[in-house]
């Protein structure tokens, strides 16, 4: 889990359903941004919000950003080197870099990076349990689905622990897997069947326990965690809209490039 409450910030107190809706809306809005002069300040604003609003140490945030930087480089480079364009800048074999492909690749890279920033900001500031409680109370998600998801999340560490125990048991018995295709298939058979059987037994016990505690579709149930709205939610809405509006104004009034639409 990426979430940590050791360094809480004001984003940790935002209603999870509202935060989820705003970030999904932001991702949809980014899909319709085709101006590189707009998406660059937008990415910079998201980076600033991630460092200042996540509450996490800078070193930890930088560590989490490494995979997204790789996505930025890989998606942008493939479009830059193999995209189409009329104004040729450089060519070497199948690699063709043109003015159009360069700006289109940069735009695609920034778009993918912005998706990663939004997802990382949500994951670092949202406790999964509170998200499901909020979805039950504000979005009317049926409790049986919400509690099932929460139970499945709780199972992940248990499955990892069982995998380690199983691996140690095979090592004690002297079972070594060959580093080949047949060894890979044998490893899947040795690990998948016991883990699947144990997961089915555990799921059955959880289902019986939930039935015993009268988990059903009743709307008049009580909740251990109460989810509501506060002034911080309004501040979040204002900040989120300001980020996108400000990026659009900066890109329109002070463009860095003469290209305003990468779909040319």
C-alpha atoms as a PDB file:
ATOM      1  CA  UNK A   1       0.000   0.000   0.000  1.00  0.00           C
ATOM      2  CA  UNK A   2       1.268   3.482  -0.872  1.00  0.00           C
ATOM      3  CA  UNK A   3      -0.935   5.195   1.712  1.00  0.00           C
ATOM      4  CA  UNK A   4       0.707   6.324   4.925  1.00  0.00           C
ATOM      5  CA  UNK A   5      -0.730   8.473   7.707  1.00  0.00           C
ATOM      6  CA  UNK A   6       2.629   9.214   9.325  1.00  0.00           C
ATOM      7  CA  UNK A   7       2.691  12.644   7.645  1.00  0.00           C
ATOM      8  CA  UNK A   8      -0.958  13.701   7.253  1.00  0.00           C
ATOM      9  CA  UNK A   9      -1.832  16.716   5.130  1.00  0.00           C
ATOM     10  CA  UNK A  10      -5.080  18.514   4.364  1.00  0.00           C
ATOM     11  CA  UNK A  11      -5.602  16.203   1.357  1.00  0.00           C
ATOM     12  CA  UNK A  12      -5.922  13.247   3.737  1.00  0.00           C
ATOM     13  CA  UNK A  13      -9.109  14.782   5.133  1.00  0.00           C
ATOM     14  CA  UNK A  14     -10.856  15.186   1.778  1.00  0.00           C
ATOM     15  CA  UNK A  15     -13.933  13.046   1.246  1.00  0.00           C
ATOM     16  CA  UNK A  16     -12.597  10.031  -0.722  1.00  0.00           C
ATOM     17  CA  UNK A  17     -15.583   9.838  -3.091  1.00  0.00           C
ATOM     18  CA  UNK A  18     -15.294  13.543  -3.907  1.00  0.00           C
ATOM     19  CA  UNK A  19     -11.557  13.196  -4.435  1.00  0.00           C
ATOM     20  CA  UNK A  20     -12.114  10.172  -6.681  1.00  0.00           C
ATOM     21  CA  UNK A  21     -14.693  12.037  -8.751  1.00  0.00           C
ATOM     22  CA  UNK A  22     -12.485  15.121  -9.138  1.00  0.00           C
ATOM     23  CA  UNK A  23      -9.487  13.096 -10.227  1.00  0.00           C
ATOM     24  CA  UNK A  24     -11.477  11.011 -12.710  1.00  0.00           C
ATOM     25  CA  UNK A  25     -12.889  14.275 -14.078  1.00  0.00           C
ATOM     26  CA  UNK A  26      -9.349  15.648 -14.325  1.00  0.00           C
ATOM     27  CA  UNK A  27      -8.162  12.613 -16.281  1.00  0.00           C
ATOM     28  CA  UNK A  28     -11.094  12.947 -18.688  1.00  0.00           C
ATOM     29  CA  UNK A  29     -10.325  16.660 -19.127  1.00  0.00           C
ATOM     30  CA  UNK A  30      -6.670  15.910 -19.906  1.00  0.00           C
ATOM     31  CA  UNK A  31      -7.781  13.558 -22.672  1.00  0.00           C
ATOM     32  CA  UNK A  32      -9.251  16.567 -24.486  1.00  0.00           C
ATOM     33  CA  UNK A  33      -6.172  18.814 -24.043  1.00  0.00           C
ATOM     34  CA  UNK A  34      -4.197  18.860 -27.294  1.00  0.00           C
ATOM     35  CA  UNK A  35      -2.190  22.041 -26.646  1.00  0.00           C
ATOM     36  CA  UNK A  36       1.321  21.362 -25.375  1.00  0.00           C
ATOM     37  CA  UNK A  37       1.461  24.930 -24.014  1.00  0.00           C
ATOM     38  CA  UNK A  38      -1.371  23.990 -21.644  1.00  0.00           C
ATOM     39  CA  UNK A  39      -0.322  20.528 -20.570  1.00  0.00           C
ATOM     40  CA  UNK A  40       3.209  21.554 -19.509  1.00  0.00           C
ATOM     41  CA  UNK A  41       2.074  24.071 -16.828  1.00  0.00           C
ATOM     42  CA  UNK A  42      -0.633  21.587 -15.834  1.00  0.00           C
ATOM     43  CA  UNK A  43       1.987  18.897 -15.164  1.00  0.00           C
ATOM     44  CA  UNK A  44       4.127  21.378 -13.223  1.00  0.00           C
ATOM     45  CA  UNK A  45       1.122  22.316 -11.081  1.00  0.00           C
ATOM     46  CA  UNK A  46       0.349  18.643 -10.407  1.00  0.00           C
ATOM     47  CA  UNK A  47       3.970  18.026  -9.398  1.00  0.00           C
ATOM     48  CA  UNK A  48       3.819  21.003  -7.037  1.00  0.00           C
ATOM     49  CA  UNK A  49       0.566  19.743  -5.532  1.00  0.00           C
ATOM     50  CA  UNK A  50       2.050  16.254  -5.125  1.00  0.00           C
ATOM     51  CA  UNK A  51       5.080  17.522  -3.204  1.00  0.00           C
ATOM     52  CA  UNK A  52       3.197  20.062  -1.096  1.00  0.00           C
ATOM     53  CA  UNK A  53      -0.106  18.236  -0.623  1.00  0.00           C
ATOM     54  CA  UNK A  54       0.790  14.570  -0.236  1.00  0.00           C
ATOM     55  CA  UNK A  55       2.501  15.147   3.113  1.00  0.00           C
ATOM     56  CA  UNK A  56       5.171  12.605   2.205  1.00  0.00           C
ATOM     57  CA  UNK A  57       8.935  13.178   2.447  1.00  0.00           C
ATOM     58  CA  UNK A  58      10.486  14.458  -0.763  1.00  0.00           C
ATOM     59  CA  UNK A  59      12.753  11.421  -1.056  1.00  0.00           C
ATOM     60  CA  UNK A  60       9.761   9.046  -0.893  1.00  0.00           C
ATOM     61  CA  UNK A  61       7.832  11.001  -3.515  1.00  0.00           C
ATOM     62  CA  UNK A  62      10.875  11.068  -5.810  1.00  0.00           C
ATOM     63  CA  UNK A  63      11.188   7.294  -5.418  1.00  0.00           C
ATOM     64  CA  UNK A  64       7.565   6.783  -6.440  1.00  0.00           C
ATOM     65  CA  UNK A  65       8.019   9.089  -9.436  1.00  0.00           C
ATOM     66  CA  UNK A  66      10.750   6.950 -11.019  1.00  0.00           C
ATOM     67  CA  UNK A  67       8.367   4.494 -12.776  1.00  0.00           C
ATOM     68  CA  UNK A  68       6.269   7.362 -14.116  1.00  0.00           C
ATOM     69  CA  UNK A  69       9.372   9.090 -15.482  1.00  0.00           C
ATOM     70  CA  UNK A  70      10.170   5.851 -17.281  1.00  0.00           C
ATOM     71  CA  UNK A  71       6.644   5.842 -18.736  1.00  0.00           C
ATOM     72  CA  UNK A  72       7.127   9.469 -19.828  1.00  0.00           C
ATOM     73  CA  UNK A  73      10.386   8.683 -21.614  1.00  0.00           C
ATOM     74  CA  UNK A  74       9.209   5.434 -23.224  1.00  0.00           C
ATOM     75  CA  UNK A  75       5.881   6.740 -24.525  1.00  0.00           C
ATOM     76  CA  UNK A  76       7.342  10.046 -25.672  1.00  0.00           C
ATOM     77  CA  UNK A  77      10.456   8.559 -27.297  1.00  0.00           C
ATOM     78  CA  UNK A  78       8.516   6.005 -29.345  1.00  0.00           C
ATOM     79  CA  UNK A  79       6.253   8.698 -30.747  1.00  0.00           C
ATOM     80  CA  UNK A  80       9.146  11.114 -31.361  1.00  0.00           C
ATOM     81  CA  UNK A  81      11.333   8.608 -33.203  1.00  0.00           C
ATOM     82  CA  UNK A  82       8.707   6.736 -35.181  1.00  0.00           C
ATOM     83  CA  UNK A  83       5.940   9.270 -35.645  1.00  0.00           C
ATOM     84  CA  UNK A  84       4.936  10.902 -38.897  1.00  0.00           C
ATOM     85  CA  UNK A  85       5.620  14.500 -39.927  1.00  0.00           C
ATOM     86  CA  UNK A  86       6.433  16.747 -42.853  1.00  0.00           C
ATOM     87  CA  UNK A  87       9.197  18.958 -41.365  1.00  0.00           C
ATOM     88  CA  UNK A  88      12.115  16.516 -41.135  1.00  0.00           C
ATOM     89  CA  UNK A  89      14.703  17.223 -38.408  1.00  0.00           C
ATOM     90  CA  UNK A  90      16.808  14.062 -38.341  1.00  0.00           C
ATOM     91  CA  UNK A  91      16.773  10.599 -39.895  1.00  0.00           C
ATOM     92  CA  UNK A  92      18.829   7.488 -39.274  1.00  0.00           C
ATOM     93  CA  UNK A  93      17.515   4.239 -40.693  1.00  0.00           C
ATOM     94  CA  UNK A  94      13.952   3.623 -39.499  1.00  0.00           C
ATOM     95  CA  UNK A  95      14.285   6.416 -36.919  1.00  0.00           C
ATOM     96  CA  UNK A  96      12.702   9.597 -38.262  1.00  0.00           C
ATOM     97  CA  UNK A  97      12.346  12.683 -36.070  1.00  0.00           C
ATOM     98  CA  UNK A  98      10.240  15.476 -37.438  1.00  0.00           C
ATOM     99  CA  UNK A  99       8.890  18.664 -35.938  1.00  0.00           C
ATOM    100  CA  UNK A 100       5.385  17.218 -35.777  1.00  0.00           C
ATOM    101  CA  UNK A 101       6.449  13.898 -34.230  1.00  0.00           C
ATOM    102  CA  UNK A 102       8.624  15.678 -31.631  1.00  0.00           C
ATOM    103  CA  UNK A 103       5.843  17.854 -30.247  1.00  0.00           C
ATOM    104  CA  UNK A 104       3.311  15.033 -30.522  1.00  0.00           C
ATOM    105  CA  UNK A 105       5.632  12.700 -28.616  1.00  0.00           C
ATOM    106  CA  UNK A 106       6.290  15.278 -25.928  1.00  0.00           C
ATOM    107  CA  UNK A 107       2.568  15.830 -25.543  1.00  0.00           C
ATOM    108  CA  UNK A 108       1.840  12.106 -25.254  1.00  0.00           C
ATOM    109  CA  UNK A 109       4.622  11.745 -22.684  1.00  0.00           C
ATOM    110  CA  UNK A 110       3.328  14.643 -20.577  1.00  0.00           C
ATOM    111  CA  UNK A 111      -0.190  13.251 -20.793  1.00  0.00           C
ATOM    112  CA  UNK A 112       0.883   9.818 -19.550  1.00  0.00           C
ATOM    113  CA  UNK A 113       2.952  11.472 -16.813  1.00  0.00           C
ATOM    114  CA  UNK A 114      -0.002  13.576 -15.690  1.00  0.00           C
ATOM    115  CA  UNK A 115      -2.141  10.430 -15.356  1.00  0.00           C
ATOM    116  CA  UNK A 116       0.538   8.931 -13.151  1.00  0.00           C
ATOM    117  CA  UNK A 117       0.760  12.072 -11.005  1.00  0.00           C
ATOM    118  CA  UNK A 118      -2.990  12.120 -10.419  1.00  0.00           C
ATOM    119  CA  UNK A 119      -3.099   8.435  -9.555  1.00  0.00           C
ATOM    120  CA  UNK A 120      -0.113   8.744  -7.230  1.00  0.00           C
ATOM    121  CA  UNK A 121      -1.616  11.768  -5.468  1.00  0.00           C
ATOM    122  CA  UNK A 122      -4.833   9.827  -4.877  1.00  0.00           C
ATOM    123  CA  UNK A 123      -3.052   6.682  -3.662  1.00  0.00           C
ATOM    124  CA  UNK A 124      -0.772   8.590  -1.265  1.00  0.00           C
ATOM    125  CA  UNK A 125      -3.577  10.549   0.378  1.00  0.00           C
ATOM    126  CA  UNK A 126      -6.508   8.115   0.438  1.00  0.00           C
ATOM    127  CA  UNK A 127      -6.982   5.314   2.940  1.00  0.00           C
ATOM    128  CA  UNK A 128      -8.618   2.385   1.081  1.00  0.00           C
ATOM    129  CA  UNK A 129     -10.963   1.518   3.955  1.00  0.00           C
ATOM    130  CA  UNK A 130     -12.323   5.073   4.109  1.00  0.00           C
ATOM    131  CA  UNK A 131     -12.773   5.070   0.335  1.00  0.00           C
ATOM    132  CA  UNK A 132     -15.105   2.074   0.497  1.00  0.00           C
ATOM    133  CA  UNK A 133     -16.992   3.491   3.486  1.00  0.00           C
ATOM    134  CA  UNK A 134     -17.442   6.753   1.593  1.00  0.00           C
ATOM    135  CA  UNK A 135     -18.626   4.923  -1.518  1.00  0.00           C
ATOM    136  CA  UNK A 136     -21.230   3.101   0.601  1.00  0.00           C
ATOM    137  CA  UNK A 137     -22.500   6.284   2.223  1.00  0.00           C
ATOM    138  CA  UNK A 138     -22.203   8.881  -0.562  1.00  0.00           C
ATOM    139  CA  UNK A 139     -22.324   6.772  -3.738  1.00  0.00           C
ATOM    140  CA  UNK A 140     -24.686   4.113  -2.341  1.00  0.00           C
ATOM    141  CA  UNK A 141     -22.419   1.205  -3.201  1.00  0.00           C
ATOM    142  CA  UNK A 142     -24.047  -2.008  -1.846  1.00  0.00           C
ATOM    143  CA  UNK A 143     -22.268  -3.036   1.390  1.00  0.00           C
ATOM    144  CA  UNK A 144     -21.757  -6.610   0.279  1.00  0.00           C
ATOM    145  CA  UNK A 145     -19.569  -5.419  -2.632  1.00  0.00           C
ATOM    146  CA  UNK A 146     -17.686  -2.856  -0.539  1.00  0.00           C
ATOM    147  CA  UNK A 147     -16.913  -5.282   2.292  1.00  0.00           C
ATOM    148  CA  UNK A 148     -15.926  -7.946  -0.226  1.00  0.00           C
ATOM    149  CA  UNK A 149     -13.388  -5.577  -1.778  1.00  0.00           C
ATOM    150  CA  UNK A 150     -12.037  -4.661   1.655  1.00  0.00           C
ATOM    151  CA  UNK A 151     -11.725  -8.341   2.585  1.00  0.00           C
ATOM    152  CA  UNK A 152      -9.857  -9.044  -0.648  1.00  0.00           C
ATOM    153  CA  UNK A 153      -7.408  -6.231   0.101  1.00  0.00           C
ATOM    154  CA  UNK A 154      -6.790  -7.714   3.521  1.00  0.00           C
ATOM    155  CA  UNK A 155      -6.038 -11.060   1.873  1.00  0.00           C
ATOM    156  CA  UNK A 156      -3.133  -9.784  -0.212  1.00  0.00           C
ATOM    157  CA  UNK A 157      -0.565  -9.659   2.658  1.00  0.00           C
ATOM    158  CA  UNK A 158      -1.788 -13.067   3.874  1.00  0.00           C
ATOM    159  CA  UNK A 159      -1.280 -14.575   0.414  1.00  0.00           C
ATOM    160  CA  UNK A 160       2.220 -13.095   0.255  1.00  0.00           C
ATOM    161  CA  UNK A 161       3.016 -14.605   3.649  1.00  0.00           C
ATOM    162  CA  UNK A 162       1.676 -17.991   2.527  1.00  0.00           C
ATOM    163  CA  UNK A 163       3.803 -17.807  -0.601  1.00  0.00           C
ATOM    164  CA  UNK A 164       6.935 -17.240   1.497  1.00  0.00           C
ATOM    165  CA  UNK A 165       6.014 -20.122   3.816  1.00  0.00           C
ATOM    166  CA  UNK A 166       5.394 -22.403   0.838  1.00  0.00           C
ATOM    167  CA  UNK A 167       8.702 -21.420  -0.731  1.00  0.00           C
ATOM    168  CA  UNK A 168      10.589 -22.195   2.492  1.00  0.00           C
ATOM    169  CA  UNK A 169       8.794 -25.549   2.780  1.00  0.00           C
ATOM    170  CA  UNK A 170       9.863 -26.533  -0.743  1.00  0.00           C
ATOM    171  CA  UNK A 171      13.453 -25.480   0.005  1.00  0.00           C
ATOM    172  CA  UNK A 172      13.509 -27.623   3.165  1.00  0.00           C
ATOM    173  CA  UNK A 173      12.323 -30.613   1.115  1.00  0.00           C
ATOM    174  CA  UNK A 174      15.038 -29.996  -1.474  1.00  0.00           C
ATOM    175  CA  UNK A 175      12.686 -29.110  -4.306  1.00  0.00           C
ATOM    176  CA  UNK A 176      14.585 -26.846  -6.689  1.00  0.00           C
ATOM    177  CA  UNK A 177      13.063 -25.478  -9.865  1.00  0.00           C
ATOM    178  CA  UNK A 178      15.019 -25.416 -13.110  1.00  0.00           C
ATOM    179  CA  UNK A 179      15.517 -22.066 -14.831  1.00  0.00           C
ATOM    180  CA  UNK A 180      13.707 -23.099 -17.988  1.00  0.00           C
ATOM    181  CA  UNK A 181      10.227 -23.093 -19.480  1.00  0.00           C
ATOM    182  CA  UNK A 182       9.400 -26.482 -17.949  1.00  0.00           C
ATOM    183  CA  UNK A 183      10.701 -25.268 -14.576  1.00  0.00           C
ATOM    184  CA  UNK A 184       8.461 -22.208 -14.817  1.00  0.00           C
ATOM    185  CA  UNK A 185       5.404 -24.344 -15.547  1.00  0.00           C
ATOM    186  CA  UNK A 186       6.298 -26.713 -12.697  1.00  0.00           C
ATOM    187  CA  UNK A 187       6.664 -23.716 -10.352  1.00  0.00           C
ATOM    188  CA  UNK A 188       3.227 -22.432 -11.317  1.00  0.00           C
ATOM    189  CA  UNK A 189       1.730 -25.848 -10.587  1.00  0.00           C
ATOM    190  CA  UNK A 190       3.491 -26.161  -7.226  1.00  0.00           C
ATOM    191  CA  UNK A 191       2.534 -22.695  -6.010  1.00  0.00           C
ATOM    192  CA  UNK A 192      -0.774 -21.923  -7.704  1.00  0.00           C
ATOM    193  CA  UNK A 193      -2.771 -24.945  -6.563  1.00  0.00           C
ATOM    194  CA  UNK A 194      -2.007 -24.686  -2.796  1.00  0.00           C
ATOM    195  CA  UNK A 195      -2.470 -20.894  -2.813  1.00  0.00           C
ATOM    196  CA  UNK A 196      -5.744 -21.167  -4.721  1.00  0.00           C
ATOM    197  CA  UNK A 197      -7.072 -23.902  -2.426  1.00  0.00           C
ATOM    198  CA  UNK A 198      -6.151 -21.922   0.686  1.00  0.00           C
ATOM    199  CA  UNK A 199      -7.756 -18.763  -0.748  1.00  0.00           C
ATOM    200  CA  UNK A 200     -11.000 -20.617  -1.480  1.00  0.00           C
ATOM    201  CA  UNK A 201     -11.144 -21.979   2.081  1.00  0.00           C
ATOM    202  CA  UNK A 202     -10.459 -18.526   3.536  1.00  0.00           C
ATOM    203  CA  UNK A 203     -13.062 -16.894   1.281  1.00  0.00           C
ATOM    204  CA  UNK A 204     -15.625 -19.455   2.388  1.00  0.00           C
ATOM    205  CA  UNK A 205     -14.928 -18.725   6.064  1.00  0.00           C
ATOM    206  CA  UNK A 206     -15.229 -14.968   5.440  1.00  0.00           C
ATOM    207  CA  UNK A 207     -18.510 -15.465   3.591  1.00  0.00           C
ATOM    208  CA  UNK A 208     -19.921 -17.511   6.478  1.00  0.00           C
ATOM    209  CA  UNK A 209     -18.769 -14.860   8.968  1.00  0.00           C
ATOM    210  CA  UNK A 210     -20.383 -12.074   6.915  1.00  0.00           C
ATOM    211  CA  UNK A 211     -23.635 -14.013   6.699  1.00  0.00           C
ATOM    212  CA  UNK A 212     -23.545 -14.588  10.467  1.00  0.00           C
ATOM    213  CA  UNK A 213     -23.157 -10.826  11.010  1.00  0.00           C
ATOM    214  CA  UNK A 214     -26.182 -10.181   8.759  1.00  0.00           C
ATOM    215  CA  UNK A 215     -24.386  -8.429   5.893  1.00  0.00           C
ATOM    216  CA  UNK A 216     -27.058  -7.739   3.310  1.00  0.00           C
ATOM    217  CA  UNK A 217     -28.420  -4.922   1.148  1.00  0.00           C
ATOM    218  CA  UNK A 218     -30.179  -3.166   4.027  1.00  0.00           C
ATOM    219  CA  UNK A 219     -29.982   0.630   3.672  1.00  0.00           C
ATOM    220  CA  UNK A 220     -30.585   1.289   7.377  1.00  0.00           C
ATOM    221  CA  UNK A 221     -27.331  -0.150   8.592  1.00  0.00           C
ATOM    222  CA  UNK A 222     -24.788   1.581  10.810  1.00  0.00           C
ATOM    223  CA  UNK A 223     -21.152   2.223   9.934  1.00  0.00           C
ATOM    224  CA  UNK A 224     -18.023   2.101  12.040  1.00  0.00           C
ATOM    225  CA  UNK A 225     -16.588   5.047  10.081  1.00  0.00           C
ATOM    226  CA  UNK A 226     -18.823   8.002   9.239  1.00  0.00           C
ATOM    227  CA  UNK A 227     -17.919   9.845   6.054  1.00  0.00           C
ATOM    228  CA  UNK A 228     -19.036  13.399   5.388  1.00  0.00           C
ATOM    229  CA  UNK A 229     -18.008  16.729   3.916  1.00  0.00           C
ATOM    230  CA  UNK A 230     -16.114  19.667   5.389  1.00  0.00           C
ATOM    231  CA  UNK A 231     -14.674  23.041   4.356  1.00  0.00           C
ATOM    232  CA  UNK A 232     -11.564  21.204   3.110  1.00  0.00           C
ATOM    233  CA  UNK A 233     -13.679  19.551   0.402  1.00  0.00           C
ATOM    234  CA  UNK A 234     -14.720  22.952  -0.929  1.00  0.00           C
ATOM    235  CA  UNK A 235     -11.073  24.060  -0.858  1.00  0.00           C
ATOM    236  CA  UNK A 236     -10.139  20.953  -2.827  1.00  0.00           C
ATOM    237  CA  UNK A 237     -12.741  21.714  -5.500  1.00  0.00           C
ATOM    238  CA  UNK A 238     -11.481  25.304  -5.803  1.00  0.00           C
ATOM    239  CA  UNK A 239      -7.829  24.187  -6.015  1.00  0.00           C
ATOM    240  CA  UNK A 240      -8.587  21.508  -8.601  1.00  0.00           C
ATOM    241  CA  UNK A 241     -10.537  23.839 -10.846  1.00  0.00           C
ATOM    242  CA  UNK A 242      -7.887  26.565 -10.389  1.00  0.00           C
ATOM    243  CA  UNK A 243      -5.121  24.197 -11.500  1.00  0.00           C
ATOM    244  CA  UNK A 244      -6.821  23.389 -14.792  1.00  0.00           C
ATOM    245  CA  UNK A 245      -8.046  26.941 -15.382  1.00  0.00           C
ATOM    246  CA  UNK A 246      -4.650  28.421 -14.563  1.00  0.00           C
ATOM    247  CA  UNK A 247      -2.869  25.997 -16.901  1.00  0.00           C
ATOM    248  CA  UNK A 248      -5.263  26.907 -19.697  1.00  0.00           C
ATOM    249  CA  UNK A 249      -4.759  30.646 -19.136  1.00  0.00           C
ATOM    250  CA  UNK A 250      -0.960  30.337 -19.000  1.00  0.00           C
ATOM    251  CA  UNK A 251      -0.922  28.215 -22.149  1.00  0.00           C
ATOM    252  CA  UNK A 252      -3.165  30.683 -23.958  1.00  0.00           C
ATOM    253  CA  UNK A 253      -1.577  33.975 -22.819  1.00  0.00           C
ATOM    254  CA  UNK A 254       2.113  32.993 -22.615  1.00  0.00           C
ATOM    255  CA  UNK A 255       2.633  30.072 -25.015  1.00  0.00           C
ATOM    256  CA  UNK A 256       6.110  28.532 -25.023  1.00  0.00           C
ATOM    257  CA  UNK A 257       5.721  27.133 -28.534  1.00  0.00           C
ATOM    258  CA  UNK A 258       3.930  28.310 -31.639  1.00  0.00           C
ATOM    259  CA  UNK A 259       2.159  24.961 -31.909  1.00  0.00           C
ATOM    260  CA  UNK A 260      -1.248  25.056 -30.274  1.00  0.00           C
ATOM    261  CA  UNK A 261      -2.601  21.681 -31.424  1.00  0.00           C
ATOM    262  CA  UNK A 262      -0.421  18.579 -31.704  1.00  0.00           C
ATOM    263  CA  UNK A 263      -2.960  16.889 -33.975  1.00  0.00           C
ATOM    264  CA  UNK A 264      -1.785  18.969 -36.983  1.00  0.00           C
END
